[in-house]
Amino acid sequence: MSEAIELEIDDKVVRLSNPDRVYFPARGETKLDLAEYYLSVGDGIVNALRERPCMLHRFPTGVTGEKVHQKRLPRGAPPWMETVQVFFPRWKRTADELCVTEIAQVIWAVQMSTVEFHPWNSRRADVEKPDEWRIDLDPGPECPWSTVQEVAHVAHEVLDELGAVGYPKTSGGKGMHIYVRIRPDGDHKVVRRAALAFAREVERRCESVTTTWWRKDRDPADLFVDYNQNARDHTIAAAYSVRGNPQATVSAPVRWDEVDDCEPDDFTIATMPARYAEIGDLHHDIDDHVFDIAPLLEWAERDEAEGKEVPPEPEE
C-alpha cells in the first residue's frame, strides 16, 4: 500500500492512510477517490448531516469486505471532532455519536474507512424531537423502478395538497427518499404516527403501494412506504452519502422534474462531482420550508377511529 498523505481542509489537516486502497471494484475507485468525492460535495453532505447524531457504515478493506455498523465515534479522534451523546434504552447504555459541523470531520470519518453516513432525523439540541420527516419509498424485490417513479409523484401530489415542501433524492439503491423539514414539537412516536397516516393516504391513491407491517405479508411487486424510518434510532443514508456497493452509487438529490428521467445508477462518485459543480446542493434551502404535521395527526386520529391500528414500535 502507498504511504499516507495529508489533506489540508480549511484550517484542519487530515492524514489519509492507504489512499490507493481500492474500495469500489467496479471502476477501481480508491479511498482517496472517496475522500475527494466528499470534498467535491462538501457543503451538501455537511448540510445533510449538520448537528445530527450519525451512525457510520465502515468498510475497512473496501465494500466487498466486512461491514461495520458503528454508533460510537472511532477511537483516536482529533479534538476538533464533535459528538452528541445518545441513550439506548434497550441496552441501558449511551454512545457518543459523530455530530458533523464541517467537512473535515467527514473526511476524518473516511480516513476511518467510513463509506456511508446515516444521520438521525433529530439534532443535537434535542435528539428526542425530530425536525425531519422521512418518506422512504422502498420497492419490493419484484417492484420495478417505474413504480418508484409513479409513487414519488403521488407522494408529491399529497405533499402539495398539505402545503408541505418535499425534497426528493435517490436512495442509492432501488428506492427513493423524500425529506420534509418539520417543527421539532413531537417525539419520534408522534412523527412515526404522522408518517403512517401519510403513507396510508398514498396507499389509497396507488394500487401498487402497501403499508403492511410484516414483510412476509407484502406482495413482492408492491412498494412499501416505510414510515418506520421515522422511529427512534432508525436511520437511512444521507443526501450525498455514498453507498457500500461496487459501483459507488450515491444517494443523490434530484429535482421533481428529473424523477421520470433518472435511474439510480446515474449517480455515482464518478458522475456526482460534475453535477454538483453545475447545480449545487438541491436541498440547500430545506431549513427554510418548515411544515407543521398537525394535519397528518388529524388523519391519524381519523384512521384510528375507523379501526386502523398503529403497529408496534420497531426495536431500537
C-alpha atoms as a PDB file:
ATOM      1  CA  MET A   1       0.000   0.000   0.000  1.00  0.00           C
ATOM      2  CA  SER A   2       1.104   3.547  -0.694  1.00  0.00           C
ATOM      3  CA  GLU A   3       2.234   5.893   2.047  1.00  0.00           C
ATOM      4  CA  ALA A   4      -0.218   8.058   3.901  1.00  0.00           C
ATOM      5  CA  ILE A   5      -0.962  11.531   2.568  1.00  0.00           C
ATOM      6  CA  GLU A   6      -2.124  14.694   4.290  1.00  0.00           C
ATOM      7  CA  LEU A   7      -5.198  16.604   3.139  1.00  0.00           C
ATOM      8  CA  GLU A   8      -5.428  20.268   4.101  1.00  0.00           C
ATOM      9  CA  ILE A   9      -9.105  21.114   4.645  1.00  0.00           C
ATOM     10  CA  ASP A  10      -9.818  24.686   5.731  1.00  0.00           C
ATOM     11  CA  ASP A  11      -7.773  25.061   8.938  1.00  0.00           C
ATOM     12  CA  LYS A  12      -7.552  21.306   9.571  1.00  0.00           C
ATOM     13  CA  VAL A  13      -5.188  18.593   8.330  1.00  0.00           C
ATOM     14  CA  VAL A  14      -6.466  15.025   7.879  1.00  0.00           C
ATOM     15  CA  ARG A  15      -3.979  12.203   7.455  1.00  0.00           C
ATOM     16  CA  LEU A  16      -5.278   9.624   4.974  1.00  0.00           C
ATOM     17  CA  SER A  17      -3.642   6.213   5.223  1.00  0.00           C
ATOM     18  CA  ASN A  18      -3.704   3.686   2.365  1.00  0.00           C
ATOM     19  CA  PRO A  19      -5.036   6.261  -0.141  1.00  0.00           C
ATOM     20  CA  ASP A  20      -4.621   3.832  -3.058  1.00  0.00           C
ATOM     21  CA  ARG A  21      -6.606   1.010  -1.469  1.00  0.00           C
ATOM     22  CA  VAL A  22      -9.393   0.059  -3.887  1.00  0.00           C
ATOM     23  CA  TYR A  23     -12.750   0.491  -2.162  1.00  0.00           C
ATOM     24  CA  PHE A  24     -15.062   0.164  -5.183  1.00  0.00           C
ATOM     25  CA  PRO A  25     -14.025  -2.562  -7.656  1.00  0.00           C
ATOM     26  CA  ALA A  26     -16.467  -1.779 -10.500  1.00  0.00           C
ATOM     27  CA  ARG A  27     -14.329   1.130 -11.732  1.00  0.00           C
ATOM     28  CA  GLY A  28     -11.427   0.811  -9.317  1.00  0.00           C
ATOM     29  CA  GLU A  29     -12.053   3.891  -7.166  1.00  0.00           C
ATOM     30  CA  THR A  30      -9.873   4.188  -4.094  1.00  0.00           C
ATOM     31  CA  LYS A  31     -10.062   5.526  -0.571  1.00  0.00           C
ATOM     32  CA  LEU A  32      -8.576   8.797  -1.853  1.00  0.00           C
ATOM     33  CA  ASP A  33     -11.229   8.953  -4.590  1.00  0.00           C
ATOM     34  CA  LEU A  34     -13.866   8.589  -1.859  1.00  0.00           C
ATOM     35  CA  ALA A  35     -12.354  11.442   0.163  1.00  0.00           C
ATOM     36  CA  GLU A  36     -12.112  13.650  -2.923  1.00  0.00           C
ATOM     37  CA  TYR A  37     -15.754  12.897  -3.781  1.00  0.00           C
ATOM     38  CA  TYR A  38     -16.926  14.065  -0.342  1.00  0.00           C
ATOM     39  CA  LEU A  39     -14.781  17.203  -0.660  1.00  0.00           C
ATOM     40  CA  SER A  40     -16.456  17.916  -4.023  1.00  0.00           C
ATOM     41  CA  VAL A  41     -19.933  17.902  -2.415  1.00  0.00           C
ATOM     42  CA  GLY A  42     -18.760  19.345   0.889  1.00  0.00           C
ATOM     43  CA  ASP A  43     -21.499  21.891   1.542  1.00  0.00           C
ATOM     44  CA  GLY A  44     -24.149  19.347   0.570  1.00  0.00           C
ATOM     45  CA  ILE A  45     -23.022  16.486   2.793  1.00  0.00           C
ATOM     46  CA  VAL A  46     -22.460  18.855   5.739  1.00  0.00           C
ATOM     47  CA  ASN A  47     -25.946  20.328   5.244  1.00  0.00           C
ATOM     48  CA  ALA A  48     -27.403  16.802   5.306  1.00  0.00           C
ATOM     49  CA  LEU A  49     -25.524  15.810   8.475  1.00  0.00           C
ATOM     50  CA  ARG A  50     -25.275  19.102  10.364  1.00  0.00           C
ATOM     51  CA  GLU A  51     -25.810  18.775  14.124  1.00  0.00           C
ATOM     52  CA  ARG A  52     -27.298  15.264  13.819  1.00  0.00           C
ATOM     53  CA  PRO A  53     -26.168  12.101  15.625  1.00  0.00           C
ATOM     54  CA  CYS A  54     -24.695   9.988  12.845  1.00  0.00           C
ATOM     55  CA  MET A  55     -24.113   6.268  12.558  1.00  0.00           C
ATOM     56  CA  LEU A  56     -21.189   5.235  10.379  1.00  0.00           C
ATOM     57  CA  HIS A  57     -21.065   2.300   7.979  1.00  0.00           C
ATOM     58  CA  ARG A  58     -17.382   1.415   7.770  1.00  0.00           C
ATOM     59  CA  PHE A  59     -15.668  -0.919   5.306  1.00  0.00           C
ATOM     60  CA  PRO A  60     -12.047  -1.328   6.496  1.00  0.00           C
ATOM     61  CA  THR A  61     -10.960  -3.278   3.397  1.00  0.00           C
ATOM     62  CA  GLY A  62     -13.385  -1.820   0.856  1.00  0.00           C
ATOM     63  CA  VAL A  63     -17.034  -2.502   0.076  1.00  0.00           C
ATOM     64  CA  THR A  64     -16.517  -6.166  -0.817  1.00  0.00           C
ATOM     65  CA  GLY A  65     -15.143  -6.843   2.672  1.00  0.00           C
ATOM     66  CA  GLU A  66     -16.530  -6.720   6.189  1.00  0.00           C
ATOM     67  CA  LYS A  67     -19.075  -4.009   7.019  1.00  0.00           C
ATOM     68  CA  VAL A  68     -19.005  -2.402  10.462  1.00  0.00           C
ATOM     69  CA  HIS A  69     -22.037  -0.520  11.811  1.00  0.00           C
ATOM     70  CA  GLN A  70     -20.557   1.987  14.217  1.00  0.00           C
ATOM     71  CA  LYS A  71     -22.582   4.188  16.535  1.00  0.00           C
ATOM     72  CA  ARG A  72     -19.670   5.431  18.645  1.00  0.00           C
ATOM     73  CA  LEU A  73     -17.087   7.793  17.226  1.00  0.00           C
ATOM     74  CA  PRO A  74     -13.978   5.688  16.479  1.00  0.00           C
ATOM     75  CA  ARG A  75     -11.066   5.974  18.885  1.00  0.00           C
ATOM     76  CA  GLY A  76      -8.166   8.287  18.161  1.00  0.00           C
ATOM     77  CA  ALA A  77     -10.289  11.217  17.022  1.00  0.00           C
ATOM     78  CA  PRO A  78      -8.667  14.660  16.968  1.00  0.00           C
ATOM     79  CA  PRO A  79     -10.057  17.243  19.420  1.00  0.00           C
ATOM     80  CA  TRP A  80     -11.997  19.055  16.682  1.00  0.00           C
ATOM     81  CA  MET A  81     -14.252  16.063  16.027  1.00  0.00           C
ATOM     82  CA  GLU A  82     -17.667  16.739  17.584  1.00  0.00           C
ATOM     83  CA  THR A  83     -20.098  14.283  19.143  1.00  0.00           C
ATOM     84  CA  VAL A  84     -23.538  14.086  20.692  1.00  0.00           C
ATOM     85  CA  GLN A  85     -24.448  11.589  23.412  1.00  0.00           C
ATOM     86  CA  VAL A  86     -27.499   9.439  22.814  1.00  0.00           C
ATOM     87  CA  PHE A  87     -29.105   6.909  25.151  1.00  0.00           C
ATOM     88  CA  PHE A  88     -30.250   3.446  24.079  1.00  0.00           C
ATOM     89  CA  PRO A  89     -32.966   2.246  26.488  1.00  0.00           C
ATOM     90  CA  ARG A  90     -32.871  -1.352  25.273  1.00  0.00           C
ATOM     91  CA  TRP A  91     -29.213  -1.682  26.288  1.00  0.00           C
ATOM     92  CA  LYS A  92     -29.297   0.952  29.069  1.00  0.00           C
ATOM     93  CA  ARG A  93     -26.143   2.426  27.557  1.00  0.00           C
ATOM     94  CA  THR A  94     -25.065   5.661  25.949  1.00  0.00           C
ATOM     95  CA  ALA A  95     -22.962   6.323  22.857  1.00  0.00           C
ATOM     96  CA  ASP A  96     -21.107   9.423  21.730  1.00  0.00           C
ATOM     97  CA  GLU A  97     -22.021   9.579  18.046  1.00  0.00           C
ATOM     98  CA  LEU A  98     -20.367  11.726  15.393  1.00  0.00           C
ATOM     99  CA  CYS A  99     -22.024  15.136  15.051  1.00  0.00           C
ATOM    100  CA  VAL A 100     -20.852  16.863  11.882  1.00  0.00           C
ATOM    101  CA  THR A 101     -20.476  20.633  11.635  1.00  0.00           C
ATOM    102  CA  GLU A 102     -17.722  20.891   8.987  1.00  0.00           C
ATOM    103  CA  ILE A 103     -16.340  18.906   6.069  1.00  0.00           C
ATOM    104  CA  ALA A 104     -13.018  17.996   7.718  1.00  0.00           C
ATOM    105  CA  GLN A 105     -14.983  15.823  10.164  1.00  0.00           C
ATOM    106  CA  VAL A 106     -16.498  13.900   7.242  1.00  0.00           C
ATOM    107  CA  ILE A 107     -13.038  13.303   5.760  1.00  0.00           C
ATOM    108  CA  TRP A 108     -11.668  12.099   9.094  1.00  0.00           C
ATOM    109  CA  ALA A 109     -14.514   9.586   9.169  1.00  0.00           C
ATOM    110  CA  VAL A 110     -13.456   8.488   5.648  1.00  0.00           C
ATOM    111  CA  GLN A 111      -9.921   8.024   6.996  1.00  0.00           C
ATOM    112  CA  MET A 112     -11.523   5.631   9.476  1.00  0.00           C
ATOM    113  CA  SER A 113     -12.957   3.702   6.481  1.00  0.00           C
ATOM    114  CA  THR A 114     -16.459   5.216   6.593  1.00  0.00           C
ATOM    115  CA  VAL A 115     -18.317   4.933   3.279  1.00  0.00           C
ATOM    116  CA  GLU A 116     -21.927   5.595   4.350  1.00  0.00           C
ATOM    117  CA  PHE A 117     -23.262   8.287   6.690  1.00  0.00           C
ATOM    118  CA  HIS A 118     -26.616   7.554   8.367  1.00  0.00           C
ATOM    119  CA  PRO A 119     -27.839  10.541  10.438  1.00  0.00           C
ATOM    120  CA  TRP A 120     -30.747  10.680  12.861  1.00  0.00           C
ATOM    121  CA  ASN A 121     -33.815  12.732  11.945  1.00  0.00           C
ATOM    122  CA  SER A 122     -33.225  14.923  15.013  1.00  0.00           C
ATOM    123  CA  ARG A 123     -30.472  17.317  16.005  1.00  0.00           C
ATOM    124  CA  ARG A 124     -28.097  17.736  18.913  1.00  0.00           C
ATOM    125  CA  ALA A 125     -30.183  20.452  20.612  1.00  0.00           C
ATOM    126  CA  ASP A 126     -32.869  17.826  21.380  1.00  0.00           C
ATOM    127  CA  VAL A 127     -32.264  14.367  19.975  1.00  0.00           C
ATOM    128  CA  GLU A 128     -35.709  13.229  21.151  1.00  0.00           C
ATOM    129  CA  LYS A 129     -37.569  15.766  18.938  1.00  0.00           C
ATOM    130  CA  PRO A 130     -37.204  15.081  15.185  1.00  0.00           C
ATOM    131  CA  ASP A 131     -37.088  18.032  12.808  1.00  0.00           C
ATOM    132  CA  GLU A 132     -37.072  15.853   9.682  1.00  0.00           C
ATOM    133  CA  TRP A 133     -39.907  13.675   8.393  1.00  0.00           C
ATOM    134  CA  ARG A 134     -38.586  10.995   6.050  1.00  0.00           C
ATOM    135  CA  ILE A 135     -40.706   9.351   3.368  1.00  0.00           C
ATOM    136  CA  ASP A 136     -38.940   6.145   2.308  1.00  0.00           C
ATOM    137  CA  LEU A 137     -40.228   4.581  -0.917  1.00  0.00           C
ATOM    138  CA  ASP A 138     -38.986   1.015  -0.523  1.00  0.00           C
ATOM    139  CA  PRO A 139     -39.715  -1.263  -3.507  1.00  0.00           C
ATOM    140  CA  GLY A 140     -40.249  -4.986  -3.025  1.00  0.00           C
ATOM    141  CA  PRO A 141     -37.920  -7.445  -4.776  1.00  0.00           C
ATOM    142  CA  GLU A 142     -40.171  -7.599  -7.869  1.00  0.00           C
ATOM    143  CA  CYS A 143     -41.191  -3.927  -7.894  1.00  0.00           C
ATOM    144  CA  PRO A 144     -39.810  -2.034 -10.923  1.00  0.00           C
ATOM    145  CA  TRP A 145     -38.184   1.410 -10.829  1.00  0.00           C
ATOM    146  CA  SER A 146     -41.114   2.762 -12.843  1.00  0.00           C
ATOM    147  CA  THR A 147     -43.368   2.109  -9.837  1.00  0.00           C
ATOM    148  CA  VAL A 148     -40.983   4.041  -7.595  1.00  0.00           C
ATOM    149  CA  GLN A 149     -41.201   6.975 -10.018  1.00  0.00           C
ATOM    150  CA  GLU A 150     -45.003   6.759 -10.141  1.00  0.00           C
ATOM    151  CA  VAL A 151     -45.379   6.654  -6.356  1.00  0.00           C
ATOM    152  CA  ALA A 152     -42.939   9.555  -5.939  1.00  0.00           C
ATOM    153  CA  HIS A 153     -45.299  11.718  -7.980  1.00  0.00           C
ATOM    154  CA  VAL A 154     -48.308  10.598  -5.927  1.00  0.00           C
ATOM    155  CA  ALA A 155     -46.410  11.479  -2.741  1.00  0.00           C
ATOM    156  CA  HIS A 156     -45.525  14.860  -4.260  1.00  0.00           C
ATOM    157  CA  GLU A 157     -49.213  15.447  -5.044  1.00  0.00           C
ATOM    158  CA  VAL A 158     -50.233  14.724  -1.444  1.00  0.00           C
ATOM    159  CA  LEU A 159     -47.453  16.937  -0.107  1.00  0.00           C
ATOM    160  CA  ASP A 160     -48.610  19.785  -2.345  1.00  0.00           C
ATOM    161  CA  GLU A 161     -52.150  19.423  -1.040  1.00  0.00           C
ATOM    162  CA  LEU A 162     -50.801  19.605   2.525  1.00  0.00           C
ATOM    163  CA  GLY A 163     -48.696  22.656   1.716  1.00  0.00           C
ATOM    164  CA  ALA A 164     -45.503  20.745   2.529  1.00  0.00           C
ATOM    165  CA  VAL A 165     -42.276  21.088   0.540  1.00  0.00           C
ATOM    166  CA  GLY A 166     -40.698  17.708  -0.187  1.00  0.00           C
ATOM    167  CA  TYR A 167     -37.055  17.249  -1.130  1.00  0.00           C
ATOM    168  CA  PRO A 168     -36.554  14.066  -3.176  1.00  0.00           C
ATOM    169  CA  LYS A 169     -33.405  12.015  -3.592  1.00  0.00           C
ATOM    170  CA  THR A 170     -32.486   8.599  -4.858  1.00  0.00           C
ATOM    171  CA  SER A 171     -31.679   6.135  -2.104  1.00  0.00           C
ATOM    172  CA  GLY A 172     -28.529   4.989  -3.855  1.00  0.00           C
ATOM    173  CA  GLY A 173     -30.217   1.596  -4.034  1.00  0.00           C
ATOM    174  CA  LYS A 174     -33.544   0.735  -5.663  1.00  0.00           C
ATOM    175  CA  GLY A 175     -35.767   3.289  -3.947  1.00  0.00           C
ATOM    176  CA  MET A 176     -36.307   6.981  -3.338  1.00  0.00           C
ATOM    177  CA  HIS A 177     -36.472   9.162  -0.250  1.00  0.00           C
ATOM    178  CA  ILE A 178     -38.386  12.406   0.229  1.00  0.00           C
ATOM    179  CA  TYR A 179     -37.443  14.643   3.152  1.00  0.00           C
ATOM    180  CA  VAL A 180     -39.647  17.297   4.752  1.00  0.00           C
ATOM    181  CA  ARG A 181     -38.417  19.716   7.400  1.00  0.00           C
ATOM    182  CA  ILE A 182     -40.824  19.847  10.364  1.00  0.00           C
ATOM    183  CA  ARG A 183     -41.113  21.731  13.632  1.00  0.00           C
ATOM    184  CA  PRO A 184     -39.380  19.754  16.411  1.00  0.00           C
ATOM    185  CA  ASP A 185     -42.511  19.634  18.557  1.00  0.00           C
ATOM    186  CA  GLY A 186     -43.154  15.907  18.998  1.00  0.00           C
ATOM    187  CA  ASP A 187     -41.111  12.823  19.779  1.00  0.00           C
ATOM    188  CA  HIS A 188     -40.269  10.029  17.347  1.00  0.00           C
ATOM    189  CA  LYS A 189     -43.521   8.162  18.098  1.00  0.00           C
ATOM    190  CA  VAL A 190     -45.555  11.227  17.114  1.00  0.00           C
ATOM    191  CA  VAL A 191     -43.642  11.704  13.856  1.00  0.00           C
ATOM    192  CA  ARG A 192     -43.892   7.986  13.027  1.00  0.00           C
ATOM    193  CA  ARG A 193     -47.662   8.130  13.606  1.00  0.00           C
ATOM    194  CA  ALA A 194     -47.917  11.120  11.250  1.00  0.00           C
ATOM    195  CA  ALA A 195     -45.734   9.357   8.676  1.00  0.00           C
ATOM    196  CA  LEU A 196     -48.010   6.299   8.801  1.00  0.00           C
ATOM    197  CA  ALA A 197     -51.077   8.482   8.164  1.00  0.00           C
ATOM    198  CA  PHE A 198     -49.351   9.983   5.121  1.00  0.00           C
ATOM    199  CA  ALA A 199     -48.321   6.531   3.876  1.00  0.00           C
ATOM    200  CA  ARG A 200     -51.917   5.308   4.154  1.00  0.00           C
ATOM    201  CA  GLU A 201     -53.120   8.273   2.076  1.00  0.00           C
ATOM    202  CA  VAL A 202     -50.598   7.414  -0.646  1.00  0.00           C
ATOM    203  CA  GLU A 203     -51.740   3.790  -0.393  1.00  0.00           C
ATOM    204  CA  ARG A 204     -55.361   4.863  -1.006  1.00  0.00           C
ATOM    205  CA  ARG A 205     -54.336   6.587  -4.211  1.00  0.00           C
ATOM    206  CA  CYS A 206     -51.951   3.995  -5.610  1.00  0.00           C
ATOM    207  CA  GLU A 207     -52.704   0.278  -6.077  1.00  0.00           C
ATOM    208  CA  SER A 208     -49.035  -0.712  -6.044  1.00  0.00           C
ATOM    209  CA  VAL A 209     -48.399   0.786  -2.571  1.00  0.00           C
ATOM    210  CA  THR A 210     -48.591  -1.096   0.713  1.00  0.00           C
ATOM    211  CA  THR A 211     -48.266  -0.127   4.364  1.00  0.00           C
ATOM    212  CA  THR A 212     -48.431  -3.767   5.531  1.00  0.00           C
ATOM    213  CA  TRP A 213     -46.223  -4.145   8.573  1.00  0.00           C
ATOM    214  CA  TRP A 214     -44.786  -7.638   8.036  1.00  0.00           C
ATOM    215  CA  ARG A 215     -42.532  -8.151   5.023  1.00  0.00           C
ATOM    216  CA  LYS A 216     -43.778 -11.732   4.586  1.00  0.00           C
ATOM    217  CA  ASP A 217     -47.325 -10.409   4.105  1.00  0.00           C
ATOM    218  CA  ARG A 218     -46.417  -7.964   1.326  1.00  0.00           C
ATOM    219  CA  ASP A 219     -46.740  -8.615  -2.404  1.00  0.00           C
ATOM    220  CA  PRO A 220     -43.123  -8.640  -3.693  1.00  0.00           C
ATOM    221  CA  ALA A 221     -44.231  -6.413  -6.586  1.00  0.00           C
ATOM    222  CA  ASP A 222     -45.558  -3.733  -4.229  1.00  0.00           C
ATOM    223  CA  LEU A 223     -43.799  -0.665  -2.878  1.00  0.00           C
ATOM    224  CA  PHE A 224     -43.704  -0.221   0.902  1.00  0.00           C
ATOM    225  CA  VAL A 225     -43.897   3.368   2.150  1.00  0.00           C
ATOM    226  CA  ASP A 226     -41.648   2.765   5.129  1.00  0.00           C
ATOM    227  CA  TYR A 227     -42.895   5.036   7.905  1.00  0.00           C
ATOM    228  CA  ASN A 228     -40.656   3.166  10.359  1.00  0.00           C
ATOM    229  CA  GLN A 229     -37.691   5.211   9.171  1.00  0.00           C
ATOM    230  CA  ASN A 230     -39.071   7.892  11.483  1.00  0.00           C
ATOM    231  CA  ALA A 231     -38.765   5.691  14.560  1.00  0.00           C
ATOM    232  CA  ARG A 232     -36.080   6.474  17.122  1.00  0.00           C
ATOM    233  CA  ASP A 233     -32.557   5.413  16.077  1.00  0.00           C
ATOM    234  CA  HIS A 234     -33.747   4.287  12.644  1.00  0.00           C
ATOM    235  CA  THR A 235     -31.502   5.893  10.089  1.00  0.00           C
ATOM    236  CA  ILE A 236     -31.088   5.935   6.323  1.00  0.00           C
ATOM    237  CA  ALA A 237     -28.259   7.149   4.129  1.00  0.00           C
ATOM    238  CA  ALA A 238     -27.964  10.923   3.992  1.00  0.00           C
ATOM    239  CA  ALA A 239     -28.219  13.049   0.891  1.00  0.00           C
ATOM    240  CA  TYR A 240     -24.837  12.779  -0.885  1.00  0.00           C
ATOM    241  CA  SER A 241     -23.859   9.672   1.077  1.00  0.00           C
ATOM    242  CA  VAL A 242     -22.043   7.067  -0.975  1.00  0.00           C
ATOM    243  CA  ARG A 243     -23.479   3.566  -0.721  1.00  0.00           C
ATOM    244  CA  GLY A 244     -21.423   0.483   0.057  1.00  0.00           C
ATOM    245  CA  ASN A 245     -21.619  -1.242  -3.317  1.00  0.00           C
ATOM    246  CA  PRO A 246     -19.003  -1.872  -6.038  1.00  0.00           C
ATOM    247  CA  GLN A 247     -20.464   0.866  -8.289  1.00  0.00           C
ATOM    248  CA  ALA A 248     -20.151   3.537  -5.552  1.00  0.00           C
ATOM    249  CA  THR A 249     -23.671   4.827  -6.126  1.00  0.00           C
ATOM    250  CA  VAL A 250     -24.734   7.963  -4.276  1.00  0.00           C
ATOM    251  CA  SER A 251     -27.976   8.941  -2.570  1.00  0.00           C
ATOM    252  CA  ALA A 252     -28.480  11.891  -4.894  1.00  0.00           C
ATOM    253  CA  PRO A 253     -30.835  14.848  -4.536  1.00  0.00           C
ATOM    254  CA  VAL A 254     -32.919  15.297  -7.684  1.00  0.00           C
ATOM    255  CA  ARG A 255     -35.424  17.869  -8.879  1.00  0.00           C
ATOM    256  CA  TRP A 256     -39.040  16.793  -9.176  1.00  0.00           C
ATOM    257  CA  ASP A 257     -38.837  17.278 -12.952  1.00  0.00           C
ATOM    258  CA  GLU A 258     -35.932  14.805 -13.071  1.00  0.00           C
ATOM    259  CA  VAL A 259     -37.781  11.940 -11.374  1.00  0.00           C
ATOM    260  CA  ASP A 260     -39.166  10.465 -14.618  1.00  0.00           C
ATOM    261  CA  ASP A 261     -35.844  10.522 -16.428  1.00  0.00           C
ATOM    262  CA  CYS A 262     -33.346   9.440 -13.774  1.00  0.00           C
ATOM    263  CA  GLU A 263     -32.078   5.972 -12.914  1.00  0.00           C
ATOM    264  CA  PRO A 264     -30.435   5.058  -9.580  1.00  0.00           C
ATOM    265  CA  ASP A 265     -27.162   4.101 -11.257  1.00  0.00           C
ATOM    266  CA  ASP A 266     -26.887   7.538 -12.902  1.00  0.00           C
ATOM    267  CA  PHE A 267     -25.439   8.922  -9.680  1.00  0.00           C
ATOM    268  CA  THR A 268     -22.019   7.673  -8.558  1.00  0.00           C
ATOM    269  CA  ILE A 269     -18.843   9.176  -7.163  1.00  0.00           C
ATOM    270  CA  ALA A 270     -17.694   9.358 -10.796  1.00  0.00           C
ATOM    271  CA  THR A 271     -20.665  11.444 -12.018  1.00  0.00           C
ATOM    272  CA  MET A 272     -21.736  13.464  -8.988  1.00  0.00           C
ATOM    273  CA  PRO A 273     -18.835  15.947  -8.694  1.00  0.00           C
ATOM    274  CA  ALA A 274     -19.555  17.496 -12.117  1.00  0.00           C
ATOM    275  CA  ARG A 275     -23.295  17.519 -11.430  1.00  0.00           C
ATOM    276  CA  TYR A 276     -22.751  19.211  -8.072  1.00  0.00           C
ATOM    277  CA  ALA A 277     -20.376  21.771  -9.575  1.00  0.00           C
ATOM    278  CA  GLU A 278     -23.093  22.665 -12.074  1.00  0.00           C
ATOM    279  CA  ILE A 279     -26.254  22.751  -9.936  1.00  0.00           C
ATOM    280  CA  GLY A 280     -25.059  22.842  -6.305  1.00  0.00           C
ATOM    281  CA  ASP A 281     -26.988  21.427  -3.374  1.00  0.00           C
ATOM    282  CA  LEU A 282     -30.636  20.884  -4.325  1.00  0.00           C
ATOM    283  CA  HIS A 283     -31.508  20.588  -0.619  1.00  0.00           C
ATOM    284  CA  HIS A 284     -29.730  23.813   0.382  1.00  0.00           C
ATOM    285  CA  ASP A 285     -32.931  25.609   1.484  1.00  0.00           C
ATOM    286  CA  ILE A 286     -34.728  22.746   3.229  1.00  0.00           C
ATOM    287  CA  ASP A 287     -34.494  24.572   6.577  1.00  0.00           C
ATOM    288  CA  ASP A 288     -36.486  27.460   5.074  1.00  0.00           C
ATOM    289  CA  HIS A 289     -39.598  25.334   4.470  1.00  0.00           C
ATOM    290  CA  VAL A 290     -40.849  24.032   7.817  1.00  0.00           C
ATOM    291  CA  PHE A 291     -44.091  22.044   7.911  1.00  0.00           C
ATOM    292  CA  ASP A 292     -46.480  21.591  10.842  1.00  0.00           C
ATOM    293  CA  ILE A 293     -47.553  17.920  10.943  1.00  0.00           C
ATOM    294  CA  ALA A 294     -50.856  18.706  12.718  1.00  0.00           C
ATOM    295  CA  PRO A 295     -52.958  17.790   9.608  1.00  0.00           C
ATOM    296  CA  LEU A 296     -51.261  14.384   9.473  1.00  0.00           C
ATOM    297  CA  LEU A 297     -52.089  13.759  13.121  1.00  0.00           C
ATOM    298  CA  GLU A 298     -55.726  14.572  12.320  1.00  0.00           C
ATOM    299  CA  TRP A 299     -55.564  11.957   9.554  1.00  0.00           C
ATOM    300  CA  ALA A 300     -54.092   9.516  12.077  1.00  0.00           C
ATOM    301  CA  GLU A 301     -56.977  10.128  14.503  1.00  0.00           C
ATOM    302  CA  ARG A 302     -59.466   9.537  11.676  1.00  0.00           C
ATOM    303  CA  ASP A 303     -57.744   6.300  10.645  1.00  0.00           C
ATOM    304  CA  GLU A 304     -57.575   5.022  14.217  1.00  0.00           C
ATOM    305  CA  ALA A 305     -61.260   5.899  14.766  1.00  0.00           C
ATOM    306  CA  GLU A 306     -62.012   3.717  11.733  1.00  0.00           C
ATOM    307  CA  GLY A 307     -60.194   0.810  13.369  1.00  0.00           C
ATOM    308  CA  LYS A 308     -56.786   1.062  11.713  1.00  0.00           C
ATOM    309  CA  GLU A 309     -54.101   0.172  14.218  1.00  0.00           C
ATOM    310  CA  VAL A 310     -50.681   1.731  14.711  1.00  0.00           C
ATOM    311  CA  PRO A 311     -48.206  -1.181  14.529  1.00  0.00           C
ATOM    312  CA  PRO A 312     -45.816  -1.510  17.491  1.00  0.00           C
ATOM    313  CA  GLU A 313     -42.598   0.457  17.516  1.00  0.00           C
ATOM    314  CA  PRO A 314     -39.672  -1.435  15.964  1.00  0.00           C
ATOM    315  CA  GLU A 315     -36.886  -2.238  18.397  1.00  0.00           C
ATOM    316  CA  GLU A 316     -34.013   0.230  18.559  1.00  0.00           C
END
